[in-house]
N, C-alpha and C. Protein backbone atom coordinates (compact mmCIF):
# COMPACT_ATOMS: atom_id res chain seq x y z
N VAL A 1 69.22 114.88 98.44
CA VAL A 1 69.23 115.12 99.88
C VAL A 1 68.45 114.06 100.66
N PRO A 2 67.22 113.71 100.24
CA PRO A 2 66.50 112.69 101.01
C PRO A 2 67.26 111.35 101.11
N ASP A 3 67.92 110.95 100.03
CA ASP A 3 68.68 109.70 100.07
C ASP A 3 69.85 109.79 101.05
N LEU A 4 70.54 110.91 101.04
CA LEU A 4 71.67 111.09 101.95
C LEU A 4 71.20 111.18 103.40
N VAL A 5 70.08 111.87 103.62
CA VAL A 5 69.53 111.96 104.98
C VAL A 5 69.18 110.57 105.48
N ALA A 6 68.55 109.77 104.60
CA ALA A 6 68.18 108.40 105.00
C ALA A 6 69.42 107.59 105.35
N ALA A 7 70.50 107.75 104.57
CA ALA A 7 71.74 107.02 104.83
C ALA A 7 72.33 107.44 106.18
N VAL A 8 72.43 108.74 106.39
CA VAL A 8 73.03 109.24 107.63
C VAL A 8 72.19 108.85 108.84
N ASN A 9 70.88 108.82 108.68
CA ASN A 9 70.01 108.45 109.80
C ASN A 9 70.21 107.00 110.24
N THR A 10 70.71 106.16 109.34
CA THR A 10 70.92 104.75 109.71
C THR A 10 72.15 104.57 110.59
N VAL A 11 72.90 105.65 110.83
CA VAL A 11 74.01 105.58 111.78
C VAL A 11 73.48 105.14 113.14
N GLN A 12 72.28 105.61 113.48
CA GLN A 12 71.67 105.24 114.77
C GLN A 12 71.40 103.74 114.84
N LEU A 13 71.31 103.10 113.69
CA LEU A 13 71.04 101.65 113.66
C LEU A 13 72.32 100.84 113.54
N GLY A 14 73.45 101.54 113.55
CA GLY A 14 74.73 100.83 113.53
C GLY A 14 75.54 100.97 112.26
N TRP A 15 75.00 101.67 111.25
CA TRP A 15 75.76 101.84 110.01
C TRP A 15 76.85 102.89 110.20
N SER A 16 78.05 102.57 109.76
CA SER A 16 79.13 103.56 109.88
C SER A 16 80.02 103.63 108.65
N ARG A 17 79.91 102.65 107.76
CA ARG A 17 80.78 102.63 106.59
C ARG A 17 80.46 103.82 105.67
N TYR A 18 81.45 104.60 105.36
CA TYR A 18 81.32 105.79 104.51
C TYR A 18 80.46 106.88 105.15
N ARG A 19 80.25 106.80 106.45
CA ARG A 19 79.46 107.83 107.13
C ARG A 19 80.05 109.22 106.88
N GLU A 20 81.37 109.32 107.02
CA GLU A 20 82.02 110.63 106.87
C GLU A 20 81.77 111.22 105.49
N SER A 21 81.87 110.38 104.45
CA SER A 21 81.66 110.84 103.09
C SER A 21 80.21 111.28 102.89
N ALA A 22 79.27 110.48 103.39
CA ALA A 22 77.85 110.82 103.24
C ALA A 22 77.54 112.14 103.93
N GLU A 23 78.12 112.36 105.10
CA GLU A 23 77.86 113.60 105.82
C GLU A 23 78.49 114.80 105.12
N ALA A 24 79.70 114.61 104.59
CA ALA A 24 80.36 115.71 103.89
C ALA A 24 79.57 116.12 102.64
N ILE A 25 79.08 115.13 101.89
CA ILE A 25 78.27 115.44 100.71
C ILE A 25 76.97 116.11 101.13
N LEU A 26 76.37 115.63 102.20
CA LEU A 26 75.10 116.19 102.66
C LEU A 26 75.27 117.64 103.10
N ILE A 27 76.37 117.95 103.77
CA ILE A 27 76.65 119.33 104.15
C ILE A 27 76.69 120.21 102.90
N ARG A 28 77.39 119.74 101.87
CA ARG A 28 77.50 120.51 100.63
C ARG A 28 76.14 120.69 99.97
N CYS A 29 75.33 119.64 99.98
CA CYS A 29 74.01 119.71 99.36
C CYS A 29 73.10 120.68 100.12
N HIS A 30 73.09 120.59 101.44
CA HIS A 30 72.27 121.50 102.25
C HIS A 30 72.64 122.95 101.97
N ILE A 31 73.95 123.22 101.90
CA ILE A 31 74.40 124.58 101.66
C ILE A 31 74.01 125.03 100.26
N ALA A 32 74.12 124.12 99.28
CA ALA A 32 73.79 124.47 97.90
C ALA A 32 72.33 124.87 97.73
N ILE A 33 71.45 124.29 98.53
CA ILE A 33 70.03 124.64 98.43
C ILE A 33 69.62 125.68 99.47
N GLY A 34 70.60 126.20 100.20
CA GLY A 34 70.34 127.29 101.14
C GLY A 34 69.87 126.88 102.52
N ASP A 35 69.97 125.60 102.84
CA ASP A 35 69.53 125.13 104.15
C ASP A 35 70.73 125.04 105.10
N THR A 36 71.20 126.20 105.54
CA THR A 36 72.38 126.23 106.40
C THR A 36 72.10 125.64 107.78
N ALA A 37 70.85 125.71 108.21
CA ALA A 37 70.51 125.14 109.52
C ALA A 37 70.71 123.63 109.52
N ALA A 38 70.28 122.97 108.43
CA ALA A 38 70.46 121.52 108.32
C ALA A 38 71.93 121.18 108.20
N ALA A 39 72.67 122.00 107.45
CA ALA A 39 74.12 121.77 107.32
C ALA A 39 74.80 121.91 108.67
N ALA A 40 74.36 122.89 109.46
CA ALA A 40 74.96 123.13 110.77
C ALA A 40 74.75 121.96 111.71
N GLN A 41 73.59 121.30 111.62
CA GLN A 41 73.33 120.17 112.51
C GLN A 41 74.38 119.08 112.36
N ILE A 42 74.89 118.91 111.14
CA ILE A 42 75.92 117.90 110.91
C ILE A 42 77.31 118.46 111.20
N ALA A 43 77.57 119.65 110.64
CA ALA A 43 78.92 120.22 110.73
C ALA A 43 79.31 120.58 112.17
N LEU A 44 78.35 120.97 112.98
CA LEU A 44 78.66 121.40 114.33
C LEU A 44 78.51 120.30 115.37
N ALA A 45 78.15 119.11 114.90
CA ALA A 45 78.03 117.98 115.83
C ALA A 45 79.40 117.59 116.36
N ASN A 46 79.42 116.89 117.47
CA ASN A 46 80.68 116.45 118.05
C ASN A 46 81.41 115.50 117.11
N GLU A 47 82.73 115.55 117.15
CA GLU A 47 83.52 114.61 116.37
C GLU A 47 83.33 113.20 116.94
N TYR A 48 83.52 112.22 116.09
CA TYR A 48 83.36 110.83 116.51
C TYR A 48 84.54 110.02 115.99
N ASP A 49 84.72 108.84 116.55
CA ASP A 49 85.83 107.99 116.13
C ASP A 49 85.61 107.50 114.71
N SER A 50 86.65 107.57 113.90
CA SER A 50 86.61 107.07 112.53
C SER A 50 87.51 105.84 112.42
N ALA A 51 87.29 105.09 111.36
CA ALA A 51 88.06 103.85 111.18
C ALA A 51 89.53 104.13 110.88
N SER A 52 89.84 105.32 110.38
CA SER A 52 91.22 105.66 110.05
C SER A 52 91.37 107.17 110.03
N ASP A 53 92.62 107.62 109.98
CA ASP A 53 92.88 109.06 109.86
C ASP A 53 92.31 109.60 108.55
N MET A 54 92.32 108.78 107.50
CA MET A 54 91.77 109.20 106.22
C MET A 54 90.30 109.59 106.37
N PHE A 55 89.53 108.74 107.05
CA PHE A 55 88.11 109.03 107.23
C PHE A 55 87.90 110.20 108.19
N ARG A 56 88.75 110.29 109.22
CA ARG A 56 88.63 111.44 110.12
C ARG A 56 88.90 112.74 109.36
N SER A 57 89.80 112.70 108.40
CA SER A 57 90.08 113.91 107.62
C SER A 57 88.83 114.37 106.86
N ILE A 58 88.00 113.41 106.44
CA ILE A 58 86.78 113.77 105.72
C ILE A 58 85.79 114.45 106.66
N GLN A 59 85.78 114.06 107.94
CA GLN A 59 84.97 114.81 108.91
C GLN A 59 85.38 116.28 108.88
N TYR A 60 86.69 116.52 108.88
CA TYR A 60 87.18 117.90 108.91
C TYR A 60 86.88 118.64 107.60
N ILE A 61 86.91 117.92 106.49
CA ILE A 61 86.58 118.54 105.21
C ILE A 61 85.14 119.05 105.22
N GLY A 62 84.22 118.23 105.74
CA GLY A 62 82.83 118.67 105.83
C GLY A 62 82.69 119.92 106.68
N LYS A 63 83.38 119.95 107.81
CA LYS A 63 83.33 121.12 108.69
C LYS A 63 83.96 122.34 108.01
N SER A 64 85.06 122.10 107.28
CA SER A 64 85.72 123.19 106.56
C SER A 64 84.78 123.82 105.54
N ASP A 65 84.14 122.98 104.74
CA ASP A 65 83.23 123.49 103.71
C ASP A 65 82.08 124.28 104.34
N TYR A 66 81.58 123.79 105.47
CA TYR A 66 80.49 124.50 106.15
C TYR A 66 80.94 125.89 106.57
N TRP A 67 82.05 125.97 107.30
CA TRP A 67 82.46 127.27 107.83
C TRP A 67 82.79 128.28 106.73
N THR A 68 83.42 127.81 105.66
CA THR A 68 83.73 128.72 104.56
C THR A 68 82.47 129.26 103.92
N ARG A 69 81.49 128.40 103.74
CA ARG A 69 80.29 128.81 103.02
C ARG A 69 79.31 129.60 103.86
N VAL A 70 79.50 129.62 105.17
CA VAL A 70 78.64 130.48 106.00
C VAL A 70 79.38 131.76 106.40
N GLY A 71 80.48 132.05 105.71
CA GLY A 71 81.16 133.33 105.91
C GLY A 71 82.23 133.35 106.97
N ARG A 72 82.72 132.15 107.35
CA ARG A 72 83.82 132.08 108.32
C ARG A 72 84.99 131.30 107.70
N PRO A 73 85.58 131.84 106.62
CA PRO A 73 86.64 131.10 105.93
C PRO A 73 87.89 130.85 106.76
N SER A 74 88.17 131.70 107.74
CA SER A 74 89.34 131.44 108.60
C SER A 74 89.16 130.14 109.36
N ARG A 75 87.94 129.92 109.85
CA ARG A 75 87.62 128.67 110.54
C ARG A 75 87.65 127.52 109.54
N GLY A 76 87.15 127.78 108.33
CA GLY A 76 87.17 126.75 107.29
C GLY A 76 88.59 126.33 106.95
N LEU A 77 89.48 127.31 106.88
CA LEU A 77 90.88 127.02 106.56
C LEU A 77 91.53 126.20 107.68
N GLU A 78 91.18 126.51 108.90
CA GLU A 78 91.72 125.77 110.05
C GLU A 78 91.36 124.28 109.94
N TYR A 79 90.12 123.99 109.60
CA TYR A 79 89.70 122.59 109.48
C TYR A 79 90.32 121.92 108.26
N ALA A 80 90.48 122.67 107.17
CA ALA A 80 91.13 122.10 105.98
C ALA A 80 92.56 121.68 106.30
N TYR A 81 93.27 122.50 107.06
CA TYR A 81 94.64 122.17 107.42
C TYR A 81 94.69 121.03 108.43
N ARG A 82 93.67 120.92 109.29
CA ARG A 82 93.61 119.77 110.18
C ARG A 82 93.45 118.48 109.37
N ALA A 83 92.65 118.55 108.30
CA ALA A 83 92.49 117.39 107.41
C ALA A 83 93.82 117.07 106.74
N ARG A 84 94.51 118.10 106.27
CA ARG A 84 95.83 117.92 105.63
C ARG A 84 96.80 117.20 106.55
N ASP A 85 96.80 117.60 107.82
CA ASP A 85 97.77 117.04 108.77
C ASP A 85 97.51 115.58 109.10
N LEU A 86 96.31 115.09 108.79
CA LEU A 86 95.98 113.70 109.08
C LEU A 86 96.38 112.75 107.96
N VAL A 87 96.49 113.27 106.74
CA VAL A 87 96.66 112.40 105.58
C VAL A 87 98.01 112.66 104.92
N PRO A 88 98.79 111.62 104.66
CA PRO A 88 100.06 111.82 103.95
C PRO A 88 99.85 112.47 102.60
N ALA A 89 100.75 113.35 102.21
CA ALA A 89 100.62 114.08 100.95
C ALA A 89 100.42 113.13 99.78
N GLY A 90 99.47 113.49 98.93
CA GLY A 90 99.23 112.72 97.72
C GLY A 90 98.32 111.52 97.89
N THR A 91 97.87 111.28 99.12
CA THR A 91 97.01 110.11 99.33
C THR A 91 95.59 110.48 99.72
N GLU A 92 95.29 111.79 99.78
CA GLU A 92 93.95 112.16 100.19
C GLU A 92 92.92 111.72 99.15
N PRO A 93 91.71 111.36 99.59
CA PRO A 93 90.68 110.92 98.66
C PRO A 93 90.16 112.12 97.88
N PHE A 94 90.24 112.05 96.56
CA PHE A 94 89.77 113.18 95.77
C PHE A 94 88.27 113.28 95.86
N GLY A 95 87.78 114.50 95.81
CA GLY A 95 86.40 114.78 96.10
C GLY A 95 86.28 115.24 97.54
N TYR A 96 87.25 114.82 98.36
CA TYR A 96 87.32 115.25 99.75
C TYR A 96 88.75 115.69 100.06
N GLY A 97 89.48 116.12 99.07
CA GLY A 97 90.86 116.51 99.29
C GLY A 97 90.94 117.84 100.03
N TRP A 98 91.92 117.96 100.91
CA TRP A 98 92.04 119.17 101.71
C TRP A 98 92.37 120.39 100.86
N ARG A 99 93.07 120.18 99.73
CA ARG A 99 93.44 121.32 98.90
C ARG A 99 92.22 122.07 98.37
N ALA A 100 91.19 121.33 97.99
CA ALA A 100 89.98 121.97 97.48
C ALA A 100 89.34 122.85 98.54
N SER A 101 89.18 122.31 99.74
CA SER A 101 88.54 123.08 100.82
C SER A 101 89.43 124.24 101.27
N ALA A 102 90.73 123.99 101.35
CA ALA A 102 91.64 125.08 101.73
C ALA A 102 91.65 126.17 100.67
N GLY A 103 91.64 125.75 99.40
CA GLY A 103 91.62 126.73 98.31
C GLY A 103 90.37 127.59 98.33
N ASP A 104 89.22 126.98 98.60
CA ASP A 104 87.97 127.74 98.72
C ASP A 104 88.06 128.76 99.85
N ALA A 105 88.62 128.32 100.98
CA ALA A 105 88.74 129.22 102.13
C ALA A 105 89.71 130.37 101.83
N LEU A 106 90.85 130.05 101.22
CA LEU A 106 91.82 131.09 100.87
C LEU A 106 91.24 132.08 99.88
N PHE A 107 90.49 131.59 98.91
CA PHE A 107 89.87 132.47 97.92
C PHE A 107 88.88 133.41 98.62
N ALA A 108 88.09 132.85 99.54
CA ALA A 108 87.13 133.67 100.28
C ALA A 108 87.82 134.71 101.15
N LEU A 109 89.02 134.38 101.60
CA LEU A 109 89.81 135.31 102.42
C LEU A 109 90.53 136.36 101.59
N GLY A 110 90.45 136.23 100.27
CA GLY A 110 91.12 137.18 99.39
C GLY A 110 92.55 136.83 99.07
N ASP A 111 92.99 135.64 99.48
CA ASP A 111 94.35 135.19 99.20
C ASP A 111 94.34 134.42 97.87
N LYS A 112 94.30 135.17 96.78
CA LYS A 112 94.21 134.55 95.46
C LYS A 112 95.49 133.82 95.10
N VAL A 113 96.62 134.31 95.58
CA VAL A 113 97.91 133.65 95.30
C VAL A 113 97.95 132.28 95.97
N GLY A 114 97.55 132.22 97.24
CA GLY A 114 97.53 130.95 97.94
C GLY A 114 96.54 129.98 97.31
N ALA A 115 95.37 130.49 96.92
CA ALA A 115 94.37 129.64 96.27
C ALA A 115 94.89 129.12 94.94
N HIS A 116 95.63 129.96 94.21
CA HIS A 116 96.19 129.55 92.92
C HIS A 116 97.22 128.44 93.10
N ARG A 117 98.07 128.59 94.09
CA ARG A 117 99.10 127.58 94.34
C ARG A 117 98.47 126.22 94.61
N LEU A 118 97.44 126.19 95.44
CA LEU A 118 96.78 124.92 95.75
C LEU A 118 96.04 124.36 94.54
N ALA A 119 95.45 125.25 93.73
CA ALA A 119 94.73 124.80 92.54
C ALA A 119 95.69 124.15 91.54
N VAL A 120 96.87 124.73 91.39
CA VAL A 120 97.88 124.16 90.49
C VAL A 120 98.26 122.76 90.97
N GLU A 121 98.49 122.62 92.28
CA GLU A 121 98.82 121.31 92.85
C GLU A 121 97.67 120.32 92.63
N GLU A 122 96.45 120.80 92.84
CA GLU A 122 95.27 119.93 92.72
C GLU A 122 95.10 119.42 91.30
N VAL A 123 95.27 120.31 90.33
CA VAL A 123 95.15 119.91 88.92
C VAL A 123 96.23 118.90 88.57
N ALA A 124 97.46 119.16 89.01
CA ALA A 124 98.56 118.25 88.69
C ALA A 124 98.30 116.86 89.28
N LEU A 125 97.80 116.80 90.51
CA LEU A 125 97.49 115.52 91.12
C LEU A 125 96.35 114.81 90.40
N ALA A 126 95.35 115.58 90.01
CA ALA A 126 94.21 114.99 89.31
C ALA A 126 94.61 114.43 87.95
N GLU A 127 95.53 115.12 87.28
CA GLU A 127 95.98 114.68 85.96
C GLU A 127 96.94 113.50 86.03
N SER A 128 97.55 113.30 87.19
CA SER A 128 98.60 112.29 87.29
C SER A 128 98.07 110.86 87.38
N SER A 129 96.78 110.71 87.64
CA SER A 129 96.23 109.37 87.77
C SER A 129 94.80 109.33 87.26
N GLY A 130 94.49 108.30 86.48
CA GLY A 130 93.14 108.13 85.96
C GLY A 130 92.11 107.98 87.06
N ARG A 131 92.53 107.60 88.25
CA ARG A 131 91.59 107.45 89.36
C ARG A 131 90.98 108.77 89.76
N TYR A 132 91.63 109.87 89.39
CA TYR A 132 91.20 111.17 89.86
C TYR A 132 90.51 112.00 88.78
N VAL A 133 90.07 111.35 87.71
CA VAL A 133 89.46 112.08 86.60
C VAL A 133 88.26 112.89 87.06
N ALA A 134 87.43 112.32 87.93
CA ALA A 134 86.23 113.02 88.39
C ALA A 134 86.56 114.30 89.15
N ALA A 135 87.75 114.39 89.69
CA ALA A 135 88.15 115.58 90.44
C ALA A 135 88.75 116.66 89.56
N LEU A 136 89.09 116.31 88.32
CA LEU A 136 89.80 117.27 87.47
C LEU A 136 88.95 118.48 87.11
N GLY A 137 87.68 118.26 86.77
CA GLY A 137 86.82 119.38 86.39
C GLY A 137 86.72 120.44 87.48
N PRO A 138 86.35 120.05 88.71
CA PRO A 138 86.30 121.04 89.79
C PRO A 138 87.65 121.69 90.08
N ALA A 139 88.73 120.90 89.93
CA ALA A 139 90.07 121.46 90.15
C ALA A 139 90.38 122.53 89.11
N LEU A 140 90.00 122.27 87.88
CA LEU A 140 90.21 123.25 86.81
C LEU A 140 89.40 124.52 87.06
N PHE A 141 88.19 124.35 87.59
CA PHE A 141 87.38 125.53 87.94
C PHE A 141 88.11 126.38 88.97
N ARG A 142 88.64 125.73 90.01
CA ARG A 142 89.35 126.50 91.04
C ARG A 142 90.60 127.17 90.47
N LEU A 143 91.25 126.50 89.53
CA LEU A 143 92.40 127.11 88.87
C LEU A 143 91.98 128.33 88.05
N ALA A 144 90.91 128.17 87.29
CA ALA A 144 90.44 129.26 86.42
C ALA A 144 90.12 130.52 87.21
N ARG A 145 89.44 130.37 88.33
CA ARG A 145 89.04 131.56 89.07
C ARG A 145 90.21 132.23 89.78
N SER A 146 91.35 131.53 89.87
CA SER A 146 92.52 132.10 90.54
C SER A 146 93.49 132.75 89.57
N LEU A 147 93.19 132.68 88.27
CA LEU A 147 94.10 133.23 87.26
C LEU A 147 93.88 134.74 87.08
N ASP A 148 94.96 135.46 86.87
CA ASP A 148 94.86 136.91 86.64
C ASP A 148 94.50 137.21 85.19
N SER A 149 94.92 136.35 84.28
CA SER A 149 94.64 136.57 82.87
C SER A 149 93.23 136.08 82.53
N ALA A 150 92.37 136.99 82.05
CA ALA A 150 91.00 136.63 81.70
C ALA A 150 90.97 135.60 80.57
N SER A 151 91.84 135.77 79.57
CA SER A 151 91.84 134.85 78.44
C SER A 151 92.25 133.45 78.88
N GLU A 152 93.23 133.35 79.78
CA GLU A 152 93.63 132.05 80.31
C GLU A 152 92.51 131.44 81.14
N ALA A 153 91.86 132.27 81.94
CA ALA A 153 90.77 131.78 82.79
C ALA A 153 89.62 131.24 81.93
N ILE A 154 89.33 131.91 80.82
CA ILE A 154 88.27 131.45 79.92
C ILE A 154 88.66 130.12 79.29
N GLU A 155 89.91 130.01 78.88
CA GLU A 155 90.38 128.76 78.27
C GLU A 155 90.30 127.60 79.26
N VAL A 156 90.75 127.82 80.49
CA VAL A 156 90.73 126.77 81.50
C VAL A 156 89.29 126.42 81.88
N SER A 157 88.41 127.42 81.93
CA SER A 157 87.00 127.17 82.24
C SER A 157 86.34 126.30 81.18
N HIS A 158 86.64 126.58 79.91
CA HIS A 158 86.10 125.75 78.83
C HIS A 158 86.60 124.31 78.97
N ARG A 159 87.85 124.16 79.35
CA ARG A 159 88.39 122.82 79.55
C ARG A 159 87.67 122.12 80.71
N ALA A 160 87.39 122.88 81.77
CA ALA A 160 86.68 122.32 82.92
C ALA A 160 85.30 121.80 82.50
N LEU A 161 84.59 122.58 81.69
CA LEU A 161 83.27 122.16 81.22
C LEU A 161 83.36 120.88 80.40
N ALA A 162 84.38 120.79 79.55
CA ALA A 162 84.55 119.60 78.72
C ALA A 162 84.83 118.38 79.57
N VAL A 163 85.64 118.54 80.62
CA VAL A 163 85.98 117.42 81.49
C VAL A 163 84.77 116.99 82.31
N ILE A 164 84.02 117.95 82.82
CA ILE A 164 82.85 117.63 83.63
C ILE A 164 81.79 116.91 82.81
N GLY A 165 81.62 117.35 81.56
CA GLY A 165 80.68 116.69 80.67
C GLY A 165 79.27 117.23 80.80
N PRO A 166 78.44 117.04 79.77
CA PRO A 166 77.10 117.63 79.74
C PRO A 166 76.10 117.01 80.71
N LEU A 167 76.36 115.80 81.18
CA LEU A 167 75.39 115.13 82.04
C LEU A 167 75.45 115.59 83.49
N ARG A 168 76.55 116.18 83.89
CA ARG A 168 76.70 116.63 85.28
C ARG A 168 76.41 118.13 85.36
N ARG A 169 75.12 118.45 85.18
CA ARG A 169 74.70 119.84 85.05
C ARG A 169 74.96 120.64 86.34
N PHE A 170 74.73 120.01 87.49
CA PHE A 170 74.95 120.73 88.74
C PHE A 170 76.43 121.07 88.90
N ALA A 171 77.29 120.14 88.52
CA ALA A 171 78.74 120.37 88.64
C ALA A 171 79.20 121.47 87.69
N GLN A 172 78.44 121.70 86.62
CA GLN A 172 78.81 122.73 85.65
C GLN A 172 78.42 124.14 86.08
N LEU A 173 77.50 124.26 87.03
CA LEU A 173 76.93 125.57 87.34
C LEU A 173 77.96 126.63 87.69
N HIS A 174 78.87 126.32 88.62
CA HIS A 174 79.86 127.32 89.04
C HIS A 174 80.77 127.70 87.88
N VAL A 175 81.11 126.72 87.05
CA VAL A 175 81.98 127.01 85.91
C VAL A 175 81.28 127.93 84.93
N ARG A 176 80.01 127.65 84.64
CA ARG A 176 79.25 128.49 83.70
C ARG A 176 79.08 129.91 84.23
N GLN A 177 78.86 130.04 85.53
CA GLN A 177 78.72 131.37 86.11
C GLN A 177 80.02 132.16 86.01
N LEU A 178 81.15 131.47 86.28
CA LEU A 178 82.45 132.12 86.15
C LEU A 178 82.70 132.54 84.71
N LEU A 179 82.42 131.63 83.78
CA LEU A 179 82.62 131.93 82.37
C LEU A 179 81.77 133.11 81.93
N ALA A 180 80.52 133.14 82.36
CA ALA A 180 79.63 134.24 81.99
C ALA A 180 80.19 135.58 82.48
N ASP A 181 80.69 135.60 83.70
CA ASP A 181 81.28 136.83 84.24
C ASP A 181 82.50 137.26 83.43
N LEU A 182 83.35 136.30 83.09
CA LEU A 182 84.57 136.60 82.33
C LEU A 182 84.23 137.10 80.93
N LEU A 183 83.26 136.45 80.30
CA LEU A 183 82.86 136.83 78.94
C LEU A 183 82.21 138.21 78.93
N ALA A 184 81.35 138.47 79.91
CA ALA A 184 80.69 139.76 79.98
C ALA A 184 81.70 140.88 80.22
N ALA A 185 82.71 140.59 81.04
CA ALA A 185 83.72 141.59 81.37
C ALA A 185 84.53 142.01 80.15
N ARG A 186 84.69 141.09 79.20
CA ARG A 186 85.44 141.45 77.98
C ARG A 186 84.51 141.89 76.85
N GLY A 187 83.22 142.03 77.15
CA GLY A 187 82.27 142.57 76.18
C GLY A 187 81.48 141.56 75.39
N ASP A 188 81.70 140.26 75.63
CA ASP A 188 80.97 139.22 74.90
C ASP A 188 79.66 138.90 75.63
N VAL A 189 78.76 139.89 75.64
CA VAL A 189 77.54 139.77 76.43
C VAL A 189 76.63 138.66 75.91
N ASP A 190 76.48 138.56 74.60
CA ASP A 190 75.60 137.53 74.04
C ASP A 190 76.09 136.13 74.40
N GLU A 191 77.39 135.93 74.32
CA GLU A 191 77.96 134.63 74.67
C GLU A 191 77.79 134.36 76.17
N ALA A 192 77.89 135.42 76.97
CA ALA A 192 77.71 135.25 78.42
C ALA A 192 76.28 134.86 78.73
N VAL A 193 75.33 135.50 78.07
CA VAL A 193 73.92 135.17 78.28
C VAL A 193 73.64 133.73 77.87
N GLU A 194 74.21 133.32 76.74
CA GLU A 194 74.02 131.96 76.28
C GLU A 194 74.60 130.95 77.29
N MET A 195 75.72 131.29 77.87
CA MET A 195 76.34 130.43 78.87
C MET A 195 75.42 130.24 80.07
N LEU A 196 74.76 131.32 80.50
CA LEU A 196 73.86 131.24 81.64
C LEU A 196 72.55 130.52 81.29
N GLU A 197 72.09 130.70 80.06
CA GLU A 197 70.85 130.04 79.64
C GLU A 197 71.01 128.51 79.60
N LEU A 198 72.25 128.04 79.39
CA LEU A 198 72.51 126.62 79.36
C LEU A 198 72.64 126.04 80.75
N SER A 199 72.71 126.89 81.77
CA SER A 199 72.91 126.40 83.15
C SER A 199 71.65 125.75 83.68
């Protein structure tokens, strides 16, 4: 967070390259540590001119993630679709793709079918190009949580952990929590506890 704050603060000195990405990541980080007030300062700020529609879409992704995570997923979905409308299909930057944010919002709204459809698309896009390998793990997580079959969800979650790798512990947290819930639900309590202890 301090590094991202320092980067974003240099906007006042004229820095603008990757500003949208830095702000979107910072919003996610603030929310992850429970600092919604700091996230709001960025997410609720006025929109600004971006170098391209692609970068403007990332502004909307940051706002989408904020609204969904503070309990306003309808607003989050609105911003995710605004991001979608700016970027031609299949060209969105992974890590800031509209499908991920829209899927999170739909899941929060209880639309598991809609979230599943987007997760399937997201996984397929991530698998179709080596450039998107870093996005595959999170995409698999979103797919796993949208599955009705517990056994399939466990299998996909294990695959997500393998793709994310042991060094990205923060990225593994949501997957491990999902897996622990799934394992506990089918009676594998010891395995669920072990999954959480590794988090």
